[in-house]
């Protein structure tokens, strides 16, 4: 029995239509541990960064809870290492942690941070930590991490603390759905596949920071009670006409690129921004399964190649009416094409039984 199908979907002006979904089977593994002070007390709000051991590329950031615990979930079999840091303590880099196939849990020994006592000189450095803990939110400063460059907005969210993306591209915050996504403090009206399409067509190089608000105050809309994620885009404060060009290209087994141009105009009372982004991604998922049923052997073999390409066009304008009042306008259009190619075969045979 052989199955072959090609589907093409077009998305225009933020209207996404998706009629094909695939099942991707990967081992979902977990690395977890606990961070302590050298006195043995739990250390809360320490930054924990996970990297691939092969090329030191950034995987995900987390912070320790009040009891010092942290967890990286949804990992695939690979080799990793972590880095633990906090102001006033010595930074720790682990050795290589290898997750084998079919290994679903990797507990770590307690990690103890010692107080840093080297104060020979005082040096003031202009910069921000990758993850900042504020009174009402977590701030993931994307612009401080070179490893966050060249990916789309949905991939970038996967690396933010407390954020996970399920196999249907639904966004979860601390394991809860119904998350409200804001862009520059304004809520988006998109949900589900429409929202995923918008984020996939955004370039991480245009994002300054991701603000994560797990317990929104009363000033926010009641919708999205699981929390709010605000994408703060980069703004150019310069006056006059200026712009920048961003280009990234990745070639592995399949192609991925993300190119864009941004134009800014800054006047005494009016500021305007136009950004155009073109991206393309090709991904492949394979599934192999052999099972016995009713004295038959079923050999299931399928592979799917997914291609997504599109444009993301944004226009914004702010007019300063007075020292306390301004009028803003933003618009965004998405032109997106997705192709899914699925090949699936099932071989049915009887096992050899010796006489």
C-alpha atoms as a PDB file:
ATOM      1  CA  UNK A   1       0.000   0.000   0.000  1.00  0.00           C
ATOM      2  CA  UNK A   2       1.577   3.277  -1.145  1.00  0.00           C
ATOM      3  CA  UNK A   3       0.424   6.828  -0.421  1.00  0.00           C
ATOM      4  CA  UNK A   4       1.654   9.934  -2.248  1.00  0.00           C
ATOM      5  CA  UNK A   5       0.203  13.432  -1.900  1.00  0.00           C
ATOM      6  CA  UNK A   6       1.222  17.038  -2.526  1.00  0.00           C
ATOM      7  CA  UNK A   7      -0.671  19.966  -1.038  1.00  0.00           C
ATOM      8  CA  UNK A   8      -0.110  23.700  -1.549  1.00  0.00           C
ATOM      9  CA  UNK A   9      -1.585  26.413   0.683  1.00  0.00           C
ATOM     10  CA  UNK A  10      -1.469  30.180   0.108  1.00  0.00           C
ATOM     11  CA  UNK A  11      -1.673  32.749   2.894  1.00  0.00           C
ATOM     12  CA  UNK A  12      -2.473  36.405   2.033  1.00  0.00           C
ATOM     13  CA  UNK A  13      -2.792  39.363   4.393  1.00  0.00           C
ATOM     14  CA  UNK A  14      -2.491  37.379   7.601  1.00  0.00           C
ATOM     15  CA  UNK A  15      -5.117  34.814   6.541  1.00  0.00           C
ATOM     16  CA  UNK A  16      -3.498  31.396   6.996  1.00  0.00           C
ATOM     17  CA  UNK A  17      -5.086  28.195   5.677  1.00  0.00           C
ATOM     18  CA  UNK A  18      -3.550  24.873   6.607  1.00  0.00           C
ATOM     19  CA  UNK A  19      -5.168  21.625   5.491  1.00  0.00           C
ATOM     20  CA  UNK A  20      -2.387  19.193   6.067  1.00  0.00           C
ATOM     21  CA  UNK A  21      -0.752  18.121   9.302  1.00  0.00           C
ATOM     22  CA  UNK A  22       1.917  15.538   9.856  1.00  0.00           C
ATOM     23  CA  UNK A  23       2.961  13.459  12.824  1.00  0.00           C
ATOM     24  CA  UNK A  24       6.594  13.777  13.813  1.00  0.00           C
ATOM     25  CA  UNK A  25       7.947  11.103  16.122  1.00  0.00           C
ATOM     26  CA  UNK A  26      10.965  12.112  18.184  1.00  0.00           C
ATOM     27  CA  UNK A  27      12.190  11.037  21.578  1.00  0.00           C
ATOM     28  CA  UNK A  28      11.300  13.869  23.969  1.00  0.00           C
ATOM     29  CA  UNK A  29      13.941  13.937  26.673  1.00  0.00           C
ATOM     30  CA  UNK A  30      14.424  16.021  29.779  1.00  0.00           C
ATOM     31  CA  UNK A  31      17.454  17.396  31.624  1.00  0.00           C
ATOM     32  CA  UNK A  32      16.784  18.681  35.140  1.00  0.00           C
ATOM     33  CA  UNK A  33      18.696  19.600  38.284  1.00  0.00           C
ATOM     34  CA  UNK A  34      18.973  21.920  41.263  1.00  0.00           C
ATOM     35  CA  UNK A  35      21.209  24.931  41.961  1.00  0.00           C
ATOM     36  CA  UNK A  36      22.480  25.628  45.471  1.00  0.00           C
ATOM     37  CA  UNK A  37      24.640  28.213  47.187  1.00  0.00           C
ATOM     38  CA  UNK A  38      27.860  26.962  48.732  1.00  0.00           C
ATOM     39  CA  UNK A  39      25.991  27.043  52.080  1.00  0.00           C
ATOM     40  CA  UNK A  40      23.550  24.443  50.751  1.00  0.00           C
ATOM     41  CA  UNK A  41      20.616  26.872  50.435  1.00  0.00           C
ATOM     42  CA  UNK A  42      18.596  26.825  47.170  1.00  0.00           C
ATOM     43  CA  UNK A  43      19.569  29.575  44.738  1.00  0.00           C
ATOM     44  CA  UNK A  44      16.622  31.127  42.914  1.00  0.00           C
ATOM     45  CA  UNK A  45      16.633  33.105  39.639  1.00  0.00           C
ATOM     46  CA  UNK A  46      20.009  31.854  38.420  1.00  0.00           C
ATOM     47  CA  UNK A  47      20.476  31.837  34.632  1.00  0.00           C
ATOM     48  CA  UNK A  48      20.882  28.371  33.079  1.00  0.00           C
ATOM     49  CA  UNK A  49      21.835  28.271  29.390  1.00  0.00           C
ATOM     50  CA  UNK A  50      21.858  25.043  27.384  1.00  0.00           C
ATOM     51  CA  UNK A  51      24.125  24.641  24.332  1.00  0.00           C
ATOM     52  CA  UNK A  52      24.831  21.972  21.740  1.00  0.00           C
ATOM     53  CA  UNK A  53      28.210  20.387  22.513  1.00  0.00           C
ATOM     54  CA  UNK A  54      29.098  19.972  18.834  1.00  0.00           C
ATOM     55  CA  UNK A  55      29.109  23.634  17.802  1.00  0.00           C
ATOM     56  CA  UNK A  56      28.228  25.530  21.036  1.00  0.00           C
ATOM     57  CA  UNK A  57      25.033  26.797  19.430  1.00  0.00           C
ATOM     58  CA  UNK A  58      22.431  28.098  21.866  1.00  0.00           C
ATOM     59  CA  UNK A  59      19.478  25.754  22.553  1.00  0.00           C
ATOM     60  CA  UNK A  60      17.383  27.291  25.353  1.00  0.00           C
ATOM     61  CA  UNK A  61      17.513  29.498  28.436  1.00  0.00           C
ATOM     62  CA  UNK A  62      15.865  28.832  31.790  1.00  0.00           C
ATOM     63  CA  UNK A  63      16.026  30.295  35.285  1.00  0.00           C
ATOM     64  CA  UNK A  64      16.010  28.387  38.556  1.00  0.00           C
ATOM     65  CA  UNK A  65      12.821  28.322  40.620  1.00  0.00           C
ATOM     66  CA  UNK A  66      12.545  29.412  44.243  1.00  0.00           C
ATOM     67  CA  UNK A  67      13.616  25.924  45.352  1.00  0.00           C
ATOM     68  CA  UNK A  68      16.637  26.077  43.015  1.00  0.00           C
ATOM     69  CA  UNK A  69      15.278  23.565  40.509  1.00  0.00           C
ATOM     70  CA  UNK A  70      15.318  23.945  36.717  1.00  0.00           C
ATOM     71  CA  UNK A  71      14.356  21.769  33.762  1.00  0.00           C
ATOM     72  CA  UNK A  72      14.921  21.596  30.009  1.00  0.00           C
ATOM     73  CA  UNK A  73      12.108  19.632  28.376  1.00  0.00           C
ATOM     74  CA  UNK A  74      11.420  18.437  24.837  1.00  0.00           C
ATOM     75  CA  UNK A  75      15.061  17.691  23.951  1.00  0.00           C
ATOM     76  CA  UNK A  76      16.142  15.282  21.228  1.00  0.00           C
ATOM     77  CA  UNK A  77      19.002  12.757  21.574  1.00  0.00           C
ATOM     78  CA  UNK A  78      22.259  14.710  21.278  1.00  0.00           C
ATOM     79  CA  UNK A  79      25.235  16.000  23.255  1.00  0.00           C
ATOM     80  CA  UNK A  80      24.792  19.163  25.308  1.00  0.00           C
ATOM     81  CA  UNK A  81      26.456  21.280  27.970  1.00  0.00           C
ATOM     82  CA  UNK A  82      25.042  23.945  30.287  1.00  0.00           C
ATOM     83  CA  UNK A  83      26.254  27.221  31.778  1.00  0.00           C
ATOM     84  CA  UNK A  84      25.031  28.532  35.141  1.00  0.00           C
ATOM     85  CA  UNK A  85      25.581  32.165  36.109  1.00  0.00           C
ATOM     86  CA  UNK A  86      24.340  34.776  38.534  1.00  0.00           C
ATOM     87  CA  UNK A  87      25.638  38.168  39.613  1.00  0.00           C
ATOM     88  CA  UNK A  88      27.930  37.783  42.609  1.00  0.00           C
ATOM     89  CA  UNK A  89      28.656  34.094  41.939  1.00  0.00           C
ATOM     90  CA  UNK A  90      31.284  32.281  39.889  1.00  0.00           C
ATOM     91  CA  UNK A  91      29.995  30.996  36.539  1.00  0.00           C
ATOM     92  CA  UNK A  92      29.982  27.208  36.082  1.00  0.00           C
ATOM     93  CA  UNK A  93      30.277  25.336  32.771  1.00  0.00           C
ATOM     94  CA  UNK A  94      29.421  21.654  32.795  1.00  0.00           C
ATOM     95  CA  UNK A  95      31.061  18.815  30.939  1.00  0.00           C
ATOM     96  CA  UNK A  96      29.372  17.138  27.997  1.00  0.00           C
ATOM     97  CA  UNK A  97      25.940  15.644  28.724  1.00  0.00           C
ATOM     98  CA  UNK A  98      24.908  12.967  26.255  1.00  0.00           C
ATOM     99  CA  UNK A  99      21.285  11.953  25.775  1.00  0.00           C
ATOM    100  CA  UNK A 100      21.098   8.539  24.127  1.00  0.00           C
ATOM    101  CA  UNK A 101      18.274   7.270  21.964  1.00  0.00           C
ATOM    102  CA  UNK A 102      15.241   6.215  24.012  1.00  0.00           C
ATOM    103  CA  UNK A 103      16.634   7.998  27.083  1.00  0.00           C
ATOM    104  CA  UNK A 104      13.824  10.150  28.410  1.00  0.00           C
ATOM    105  CA  UNK A 105      15.231  11.531  31.663  1.00  0.00           C
ATOM    106  CA  UNK A 106      18.676  12.845  32.648  1.00  0.00           C
ATOM    107  CA  UNK A 107      18.853  14.007  36.290  1.00  0.00           C
ATOM    108  CA  UNK A 108      21.885  16.055  37.322  1.00  0.00           C
ATOM    109  CA  UNK A 109      23.721  16.184  40.614  1.00  0.00           C
ATOM    110  CA  UNK A 110      23.195  19.328  42.699  1.00  0.00           C
ATOM    111  CA  UNK A 111      25.064  22.311  41.250  1.00  0.00           C
ATOM    112  CA  UNK A 112      26.747  24.555  43.831  1.00  0.00           C
ATOM    113  CA  UNK A 113      27.734  28.120  43.008  1.00  0.00           C
ATOM    114  CA  UNK A 114      30.438  29.806  45.074  1.00  0.00           C
ATOM    115  CA  UNK A 115      30.481  33.495  45.880  1.00  0.00           C
ATOM    116  CA  UNK A 116      32.826  35.479  43.662  1.00  0.00           C
ATOM    117  CA  UNK A 117      35.475  37.238  45.769  1.00  0.00           C
ATOM    118  CA  UNK A 118      37.707  38.608  43.023  1.00  0.00           C
ATOM    119  CA  UNK A 119      37.235  42.394  43.297  1.00  0.00           C
ATOM    120  CA  UNK A 120      40.693  43.590  42.351  1.00  0.00           C
ATOM    121  CA  UNK A 121      39.262  46.315  40.124  1.00  0.00           C
ATOM    122  CA  UNK A 122      35.863  47.707  39.230  1.00  0.00           C
ATOM    123  CA  UNK A 123      34.921  47.644  35.555  1.00  0.00           C
ATOM    124  CA  UNK A 124      31.667  49.055  34.229  1.00  0.00           C
ATOM    125  CA  UNK A 125      30.468  47.259  31.134  1.00  0.00           C
ATOM    126  CA  UNK A 126      27.525  48.482  29.060  1.00  0.00           C
ATOM    127  CA  UNK A 127      25.445  45.429  28.383  1.00  0.00           C
ATOM    128  CA  UNK A 128      22.547  43.282  29.484  1.00  0.00           C
ATOM    129  CA  UNK A 129      22.248  39.726  30.748  1.00  0.00           C
ATOM    130  CA  UNK A 130      20.630  37.247  28.388  1.00  0.00           C
ATOM    131  CA  UNK A 131      17.806  36.697  30.902  1.00  0.00           C
ATOM    132  CA  UNK A 132      16.714  39.445  33.285  1.00  0.00           C
ATOM    133  CA  UNK A 133      14.334  38.862  36.197  1.00  0.00           C
ATOM    134  CA  UNK A 134      12.142  41.873  36.905  1.00  0.00           C
ATOM    135  CA  UNK A 135       9.337  42.386  39.388  1.00  0.00           C
ATOM    136  CA  UNK A 136       6.561  41.710  36.881  1.00  0.00           C
ATOM    137  CA  UNK A 137       8.238  39.846  34.020  1.00  0.00           C
ATOM    138  CA  UNK A 138      11.168  37.895  32.612  1.00  0.00           C
ATOM    139  CA  UNK A 139      13.098  39.596  29.821  1.00  0.00           C
ATOM    140  CA  UNK A 140      14.921  37.455  27.253  1.00  0.00           C
ATOM    141  CA  UNK A 141      17.367  39.893  25.625  1.00  0.00           C
ATOM    142  CA  UNK A 142      17.636  38.393  22.157  1.00  0.00           C
ATOM    143  CA  UNK A 143      20.031  41.057  20.846  1.00  0.00           C
ATOM    144  CA  UNK A 144      22.743  40.017  23.343  1.00  0.00           C
ATOM    145  CA  UNK A 145      22.984  36.467  21.958  1.00  0.00           C
ATOM    146  CA  UNK A 146      24.736  35.976  18.583  1.00  0.00           C
ATOM    147  CA  UNK A 147      23.383  32.405  18.526  1.00  0.00           C
ATOM    148  CA  UNK A 148      19.833  33.783  18.298  1.00  0.00           C
ATOM    149  CA  UNK A 149      20.563  35.364  14.930  1.00  0.00           C
ATOM    150  CA  UNK A 150      19.226  33.969  11.661  1.00  0.00           C
ATOM    151  CA  UNK A 151      16.176  32.084  12.960  1.00  0.00           C
ATOM    152  CA  UNK A 152      12.495  32.909  12.671  1.00  0.00           C
ATOM    153  CA  UNK A 153      10.309  34.196  15.477  1.00  0.00           C
ATOM    154  CA  UNK A 154       8.696  30.837  16.248  1.00  0.00           C
ATOM    155  CA  UNK A 155      12.086  29.113  16.565  1.00  0.00           C
ATOM    156  CA  UNK A 156      13.248  31.965  18.788  1.00  0.00           C
ATOM    157  CA  UNK A 157      10.312  31.520  21.168  1.00  0.00           C
ATOM    158  CA  UNK A 158      11.350  27.894  21.718  1.00  0.00           C
ATOM    159  CA  UNK A 159      14.575  29.173  23.292  1.00  0.00           C
ATOM    160  CA  UNK A 160      12.877  31.569  25.714  1.00  0.00           C
ATOM    161  CA  UNK A 161      12.537  30.525  29.379  1.00  0.00           C
ATOM    162  CA  UNK A 162       9.285  28.757  30.237  1.00  0.00           C
ATOM    163  CA  UNK A 163       8.080  28.699  26.609  1.00  0.00           C
ATOM    164  CA  UNK A 164       7.450  25.505  24.626  1.00  0.00           C
ATOM    165  CA  UNK A 165       5.983  24.884  21.179  1.00  0.00           C
ATOM    166  CA  UNK A 166       4.015  21.681  20.628  1.00  0.00           C
ATOM    167  CA  UNK A 167       3.959  19.626  17.414  1.00  0.00           C
ATOM    168  CA  UNK A 168       0.995  21.665  16.101  1.00  0.00           C
ATOM    169  CA  UNK A 169       2.889  24.965  16.618  1.00  0.00           C
ATOM    170  CA  UNK A 170       0.755  25.951  19.608  1.00  0.00           C
ATOM    171  CA  UNK A 171       2.579  28.210  22.080  1.00  0.00           C
ATOM    172  CA  UNK A 172       2.645  27.109  25.728  1.00  0.00           C
ATOM    173  CA  UNK A 173       3.856  29.170  28.691  1.00  0.00           C
ATOM    174  CA  UNK A 174       4.772  27.108  31.753  1.00  0.00           C
ATOM    175  CA  UNK A 175       2.827  24.222  30.215  1.00  0.00           C
ATOM    176  CA  UNK A 176      -0.373  26.248  29.700  1.00  0.00           C
ATOM    177  CA  UNK A 177      -2.028  27.206  26.427  1.00  0.00           C
ATOM    178  CA  UNK A 178      -4.173  30.261  25.651  1.00  0.00           C
ATOM    179  CA  UNK A 179      -1.125  32.557  25.693  1.00  0.00           C
ATOM    180  CA  UNK A 180      -1.636  36.090  24.388  1.00  0.00           C
ATOM    181  CA  UNK A 181       1.060  37.355  22.011  1.00  0.00           C
ATOM    182  CA  UNK A 182       1.841  41.067  21.879  1.00  0.00           C
ATOM    183  CA  UNK A 183       4.076  42.935  19.436  1.00  0.00           C
ATOM    184  CA  UNK A 184       5.509  46.178  20.821  1.00  0.00           C
ATOM    185  CA  UNK A 185       2.921  46.087  23.595  1.00  0.00           C
ATOM    186  CA  UNK A 186      -0.080  45.688  21.302  1.00  0.00           C
ATOM    187  CA  UNK A 187      -2.013  42.378  21.265  1.00  0.00           C
ATOM    188  CA  UNK A 188      -2.182  40.454  18.008  1.00  0.00           C
ATOM    189  CA  UNK A 189      -5.566  39.204  16.861  1.00  0.00           C
ATOM    190  CA  UNK A 190      -4.177  36.012  15.307  1.00  0.00           C
ATOM    191  CA  UNK A 191      -4.464  32.541  16.797  1.00  0.00           C
ATOM    192  CA  UNK A 192      -3.312  29.009  15.988  1.00  0.00           C
ATOM    193  CA  UNK A 193      -1.841  28.486  12.528  1.00  0.00           C
ATOM    194  CA  UNK A 194      -2.327  32.152  11.633  1.00  0.00           C
ATOM    195  CA  UNK A 195      -0.149  33.209  14.564  1.00  0.00           C
ATOM    196  CA  UNK A 196       2.473  30.539  13.789  1.00  0.00           C
ATOM    197  CA  UNK A 197       2.661  31.779  10.195  1.00  0.00           C
ATOM    198  CA  UNK A 198       3.203  35.365  11.363  1.00  0.00           C
ATOM    199  CA  UNK A 199       6.044  34.332  13.695  1.00  0.00           C
ATOM    200  CA  UNK A 200       7.653  32.077  11.086  1.00  0.00           C
ATOM    201  CA  UNK A 201       7.898  35.054   8.760  1.00  0.00           C
ATOM    202  CA  UNK A 202       9.597  37.260  11.364  1.00  0.00           C
ATOM    203  CA  UNK A 203      13.384  37.529  11.528  1.00  0.00           C
ATOM    204  CA  UNK A 204      14.993  37.194  14.961  1.00  0.00           C
ATOM    205  CA  UNK A 205      17.466  39.949  14.016  1.00  0.00           C
ATOM    206  CA  UNK A 206      14.561  42.412  14.083  1.00  0.00           C
ATOM    207  CA  UNK A 207      13.580  41.434  17.657  1.00  0.00           C
ATOM    208  CA  UNK A 208      15.196  43.303  20.535  1.00  0.00           C
ATOM    209  CA  UNK A 209      13.771  41.285  23.432  1.00  0.00           C
ATOM    210  CA  UNK A 210      11.014  38.889  24.474  1.00  0.00           C
ATOM    211  CA  UNK A 211       9.098  39.899  27.607  1.00  0.00           C
ATOM    212  CA  UNK A 212       7.399  37.022  29.433  1.00  0.00           C
ATOM    213  CA  UNK A 213       4.590  37.919  31.840  1.00  0.00           C
ATOM    214  CA  UNK A 214       3.247  34.785  33.525  1.00  0.00           C
ATOM    215  CA  UNK A 215       0.886  36.654  35.900  1.00  0.00           C
ATOM    216  CA  UNK A 216      -0.531  39.678  34.063  1.00  0.00           C
ATOM    217  CA  UNK A 217      -1.791  42.531  36.211  1.00  0.00           C
ATOM    218  CA  UNK A 218      -5.208  44.177  35.887  1.00  0.00           C
ATOM    219  CA  UNK A 219      -3.919  46.680  33.305  1.00  0.00           C
ATOM    220  CA  UNK A 220      -3.840  43.901  30.709  1.00  0.00           C
ATOM    221  CA  UNK A 221      -6.819  42.414  28.887  1.00  0.00           C
ATOM    222  CA  UNK A 222      -8.334  39.415  30.668  1.00  0.00           C
ATOM    223  CA  UNK A 223      -7.974  37.363  27.472  1.00  0.00           C
ATOM    224  CA  UNK A 224      -4.986  35.043  27.531  1.00  0.00           C
ATOM    225  CA  UNK A 225      -5.075  34.094  31.207  1.00  0.00           C
ATOM    226  CA  UNK A 226      -2.131  31.715  30.747  1.00  0.00           C
ATOM    227  CA  UNK A 227       0.160  34.728  30.381  1.00  0.00           C
ATOM    228  CA  UNK A 228       1.455  37.281  27.915  1.00  0.00           C
ATOM    229  CA  UNK A 229       4.500  37.162  25.656  1.00  0.00           C
ATOM    230  CA  UNK A 230       5.498  40.537  24.229  1.00  0.00           C
ATOM    231  CA  UNK A 231       7.885  40.701  21.269  1.00  0.00           C
ATOM    232  CA  UNK A 232       9.717  44.013  21.458  1.00  0.00           C
ATOM    233  CA  UNK A 233      10.989  44.876  17.996  1.00  0.00           C
ATOM    234  CA  UNK A 234      14.073  46.969  17.381  1.00  0.00           C
ATOM    235  CA  UNK A 235      13.534  50.688  16.819  1.00  0.00           C
ATOM    236  CA  UNK A 236      15.932  53.157  15.294  1.00  0.00           C
ATOM    237  CA  UNK A 237      15.992  56.504  17.181  1.00  0.00           C
ATOM    238  CA  UNK A 238      18.072  58.253  14.499  1.00  0.00           C
ATOM    239  CA  UNK A 239      16.628  61.223  12.652  1.00  0.00           C
ATOM    240  CA  UNK A 240      16.390  61.413   8.890  1.00  0.00           C
ATOM    241  CA  UNK A 241      16.137  58.476   6.511  1.00  0.00           C
ATOM    242  CA  UNK A 242      18.162  55.360   7.307  1.00  0.00           C
ATOM    243  CA  UNK A 243      17.898  51.602   7.010  1.00  0.00           C
ATOM    244  CA  UNK A 244      19.590  48.242   7.307  1.00  0.00           C
ATOM    245  CA  UNK A 245      19.779  44.947   5.464  1.00  0.00           C
ATOM    246  CA  UNK A 246      19.774  41.520   7.160  1.00  0.00           C
ATOM    247  CA  UNK A 247      20.709  38.281   5.434  1.00  0.00           C
ATOM    248  CA  UNK A 248      21.213  34.758   6.801  1.00  0.00           C
ATOM    249  CA  UNK A 249      21.691  31.466   4.974  1.00  0.00           C
ATOM    250  CA  UNK A 250      21.955  27.897   6.265  1.00  0.00           C
ATOM    251  CA  UNK A 251      22.631  24.860   4.125  1.00  0.00           C
ATOM    252  CA  UNK A 252      22.567  21.427   5.715  1.00  0.00           C
ATOM    253  CA  UNK A 253      20.641  18.550   4.229  1.00  0.00           C
ATOM    254  CA  UNK A 254      18.020  21.149   3.313  1.00  0.00           C
ATOM    255  CA  UNK A 255      17.967  24.900   2.698  1.00  0.00           C
ATOM    256  CA  UNK A 256      17.020  27.702   5.085  1.00  0.00           C
ATOM    257  CA  UNK A 257      17.413  31.447   4.556  1.00  0.00           C
ATOM    258  CA  UNK A 258      15.994  34.665   5.946  1.00  0.00           C
ATOM    259  CA  UNK A 259      16.625  38.036   4.262  1.00  0.00           C
ATOM    260  CA  UNK A 260      15.130  41.414   4.968  1.00  0.00           C
ATOM    261  CA  UNK A 261      15.397  45.181   4.645  1.00  0.00           C
ATOM    262  CA  UNK A 262      14.205  47.871   7.069  1.00  0.00           C
ATOM    263  CA  UNK A 263      13.760  51.575   6.294  1.00  0.00           C
ATOM    264  CA  UNK A 264      13.258  54.181   9.017  1.00  0.00           C
ATOM    265  CA  UNK A 265      12.349  57.848   8.852  1.00  0.00           C
ATOM    266  CA  UNK A 266      12.669  60.024  11.920  1.00  0.00           C
ATOM    267  CA  UNK A 267      11.375  63.580  11.962  1.00  0.00           C
ATOM    268  CA  UNK A 268      10.648  66.106  14.670  1.00  0.00           C
ATOM    269  CA  UNK A 269       7.086  64.888  15.156  1.00  0.00           C
ATOM    270  CA  UNK A 270       6.642  61.924  12.808  1.00  0.00           C
ATOM    271  CA  UNK A 271       8.464  58.592  12.717  1.00  0.00           C
ATOM    272  CA  UNK A 272       7.778  55.849  10.189  1.00  0.00           C
ATOM    273  CA  UNK A 273       9.144  52.331   9.616  1.00  0.00           C
ATOM    274  CA  UNK A 274       8.842  49.929   6.704  1.00  0.00           C
ATOM    275  CA  UNK A 275      10.217  46.391   6.904  1.00  0.00           C
ATOM    276  CA  UNK A 276      10.129  43.679   4.249  1.00  0.00           C
ATOM    277  CA  UNK A 277      11.291  40.173   5.049  1.00  0.00           C
ATOM    278  CA  UNK A 278      11.626  37.136   2.749  1.00  0.00           C
ATOM    279  CA  UNK A 279      12.201  33.695   4.260  1.00  0.00           C
ATOM    280  CA  UNK A 280      12.241  30.069   3.182  1.00  0.00           C
ATOM    281  CA  UNK A 281      12.575  26.900   5.260  1.00  0.00           C
ATOM    282  CA  UNK A 282      12.800  23.255   4.238  1.00  0.00           C
ATOM    283  CA  UNK A 283      12.437  20.552   6.880  1.00  0.00           C
ATOM    284  CA  UNK A 284      12.215  16.771   6.778  1.00  0.00           C
ATOM    285  CA  UNK A 285      10.639  14.300   9.198  1.00  0.00           C
ATOM    286  CA  UNK A 286      11.150  10.531   8.983  1.00  0.00           C
ATOM    287  CA  UNK A 287       9.179   7.785  10.715  1.00  0.00           C
ATOM    288  CA  UNK A 288      10.092   4.105  10.824  1.00  0.00           C
ATOM    289  CA  UNK A 289       8.193   1.505  12.834  1.00  0.00           C
ATOM    290  CA  UNK A 290       8.133  -2.285  12.759  1.00  0.00           C
ATOM    291  CA  UNK A 291       5.436  -4.117  14.679  1.00  0.00           C
ATOM    292  CA  UNK A 292       3.873  -7.564  14.880  1.00  0.00           C
ATOM    293  CA  UNK A 293       0.110  -7.950  14.751  1.00  0.00           C
ATOM    294  CA  UNK A 294      -2.078 -11.037  14.242  1.00  0.00           C
ATOM    295  CA  UNK A 295       0.891 -13.142  13.054  1.00  0.00           C
ATOM    296  CA  UNK A 296       1.860 -10.494  10.493  1.00  0.00           C
ATOM    297  CA  UNK A 297       4.828  -8.124  10.429  1.00  0.00           C
ATOM    298  CA  UNK A 298       3.989  -4.494   9.575  1.00  0.00           C
ATOM    299  CA  UNK A 299       6.899  -2.392   8.328  1.00  0.00           C
ATOM    300  CA  UNK A 300       5.833   1.274   8.357  1.00  0.00           C
ATOM    301  CA  UNK A 301       8.128   3.726   6.588  1.00  0.00           C
ATOM    302  CA  UNK A 302       7.314   7.355   5.788  1.00  0.00           C
ATOM    303  CA  UNK A 303       9.164  10.576   5.120  1.00  0.00           C
ATOM    304  CA  UNK A 304       7.805  14.084   4.740  1.00  0.00           C
ATOM    305  CA  UNK A 305       9.499  17.157   3.278  1.00  0.00           C
ATOM    306  CA  UNK A 306       7.912  20.493   4.188  1.00  0.00           C
ATOM    307  CA  UNK A 307       8.711  23.748   2.431  1.00  0.00           C
ATOM    308  CA  UNK A 308       7.520  27.141   3.623  1.00  0.00           C
ATOM    309  CA  UNK A 309       8.348  30.387   1.843  1.00  0.00           C
ATOM    310  CA  UNK A 310       6.847  33.816   2.106  1.00  0.00           C
ATOM    311  CA  UNK A 311       7.025  37.569   2.633  1.00  0.00           C
ATOM    312  CA  UNK A 312       6.341  39.528   5.828  1.00  0.00           C
ATOM    313  CA  UNK A 313       5.681  43.226   5.214  1.00  0.00           C
ATOM    314  CA  UNK A 314       5.166  45.699   8.057  1.00  0.00           C
ATOM    315  CA  UNK A 315       4.432  49.415   8.132  1.00  0.00           C
ATOM    316  CA  UNK A 316       4.304  51.620  11.217  1.00  0.00           C
ATOM    317  CA  UNK A 317       3.974  55.337  11.925  1.00  0.00           C
ATOM    318  CA  UNK A 318       3.934  57.405  15.113  1.00  0.00           C
ATOM    319  CA  UNK A 319       2.889  61.058  15.254  1.00  0.00           C
ATOM    320  CA  UNK A 320       3.732  63.118  18.356  1.00  0.00           C
ATOM    321  CA  UNK A 321       0.671  65.280  19.019  1.00  0.00           C
ATOM    322  CA  UNK A 322       1.957  66.796  22.262  1.00  0.00           C
ATOM    323  CA  UNK A 323       4.434  66.066  25.050  1.00  0.00           C
ATOM    324  CA  UNK A 324       1.966  63.570  26.557  1.00  0.00           C
ATOM    325  CA  UNK A 325      -0.010  62.318  23.550  1.00  0.00           C
ATOM    326  CA  UNK A 326       0.904  60.447  20.393  1.00  0.00           C
ATOM    327  CA  UNK A 327      -0.978  58.673  17.635  1.00  0.00           C
ATOM    328  CA  UNK A 328       0.311  55.354  16.271  1.00  0.00           C
ATOM    329  CA  UNK A 329      -0.582  53.205  13.276  1.00  0.00           C
ATOM    330  CA  UNK A 330       0.725  49.727  12.430  1.00  0.00           C
ATOM    331  CA  UNK A 331      -0.140  47.289   9.661  1.00  0.00           C
ATOM    332  CA  UNK A 332       1.307  43.942   8.650  1.00  0.00           C
ATOM    333  CA  UNK A 333       0.717  41.676   5.658  1.00  0.00           C
ATOM    334  CA  UNK A 334       1.801  38.067   5.148  1.00  0.00           C
ATOM    335  CA  UNK A 335       2.136  36.322   1.799  1.00  0.00           C
ATOM    336  CA  UNK A 336       2.963  32.707   2.486  1.00  0.00           C
ATOM    337  CA  UNK A 337       3.203  29.444   0.540  1.00  0.00           C
ATOM    338  CA  UNK A 338       3.624  25.997   2.069  1.00  0.00           C
ATOM    339  CA  UNK A 339       4.138  22.668   0.315  1.00  0.00           C
ATOM    340  CA  UNK A 340       4.046  19.288   2.045  1.00  0.00           C
ATOM    341  CA  UNK A 341       5.312  16.169   0.301  1.00  0.00           C
ATOM    342  CA  UNK A 342       4.569  12.906   2.107  1.00  0.00           C
ATOM    343  CA  UNK A 343       5.661   9.441   0.990  1.00  0.00           C
ATOM    344  CA  UNK A 344       4.418   6.540   3.064  1.00  0.00           C
ATOM    345  CA  UNK A 345       4.657   2.781   2.554  1.00  0.00           C
ATOM    346  CA  UNK A 346       3.444  -0.154   4.622  1.00  0.00           C
ATOM    347  CA  UNK A 347       4.858  -3.599   3.917  1.00  0.00           C
ATOM    348  CA  UNK A 348       2.885  -6.562   5.281  1.00  0.00           C
ATOM    349  CA  UNK A 349       4.610  -9.915   5.537  1.00  0.00           C
ATOM    350  CA  UNK A 350       4.454 -13.143   7.498  1.00  0.00           C
ATOM    351  CA  UNK A 351       7.398 -13.992   9.748  1.00  0.00           C
ATOM    352  CA  UNK A 352       9.584 -16.942   8.871  1.00  0.00           C
ATOM    353  CA  UNK A 353       8.727 -19.857  11.128  1.00  0.00           C
ATOM    354  CA  UNK A 354      11.263 -22.737  11.182  1.00  0.00           C
ATOM    355  CA  UNK A 355       9.857 -26.214  10.841  1.00  0.00           C
END
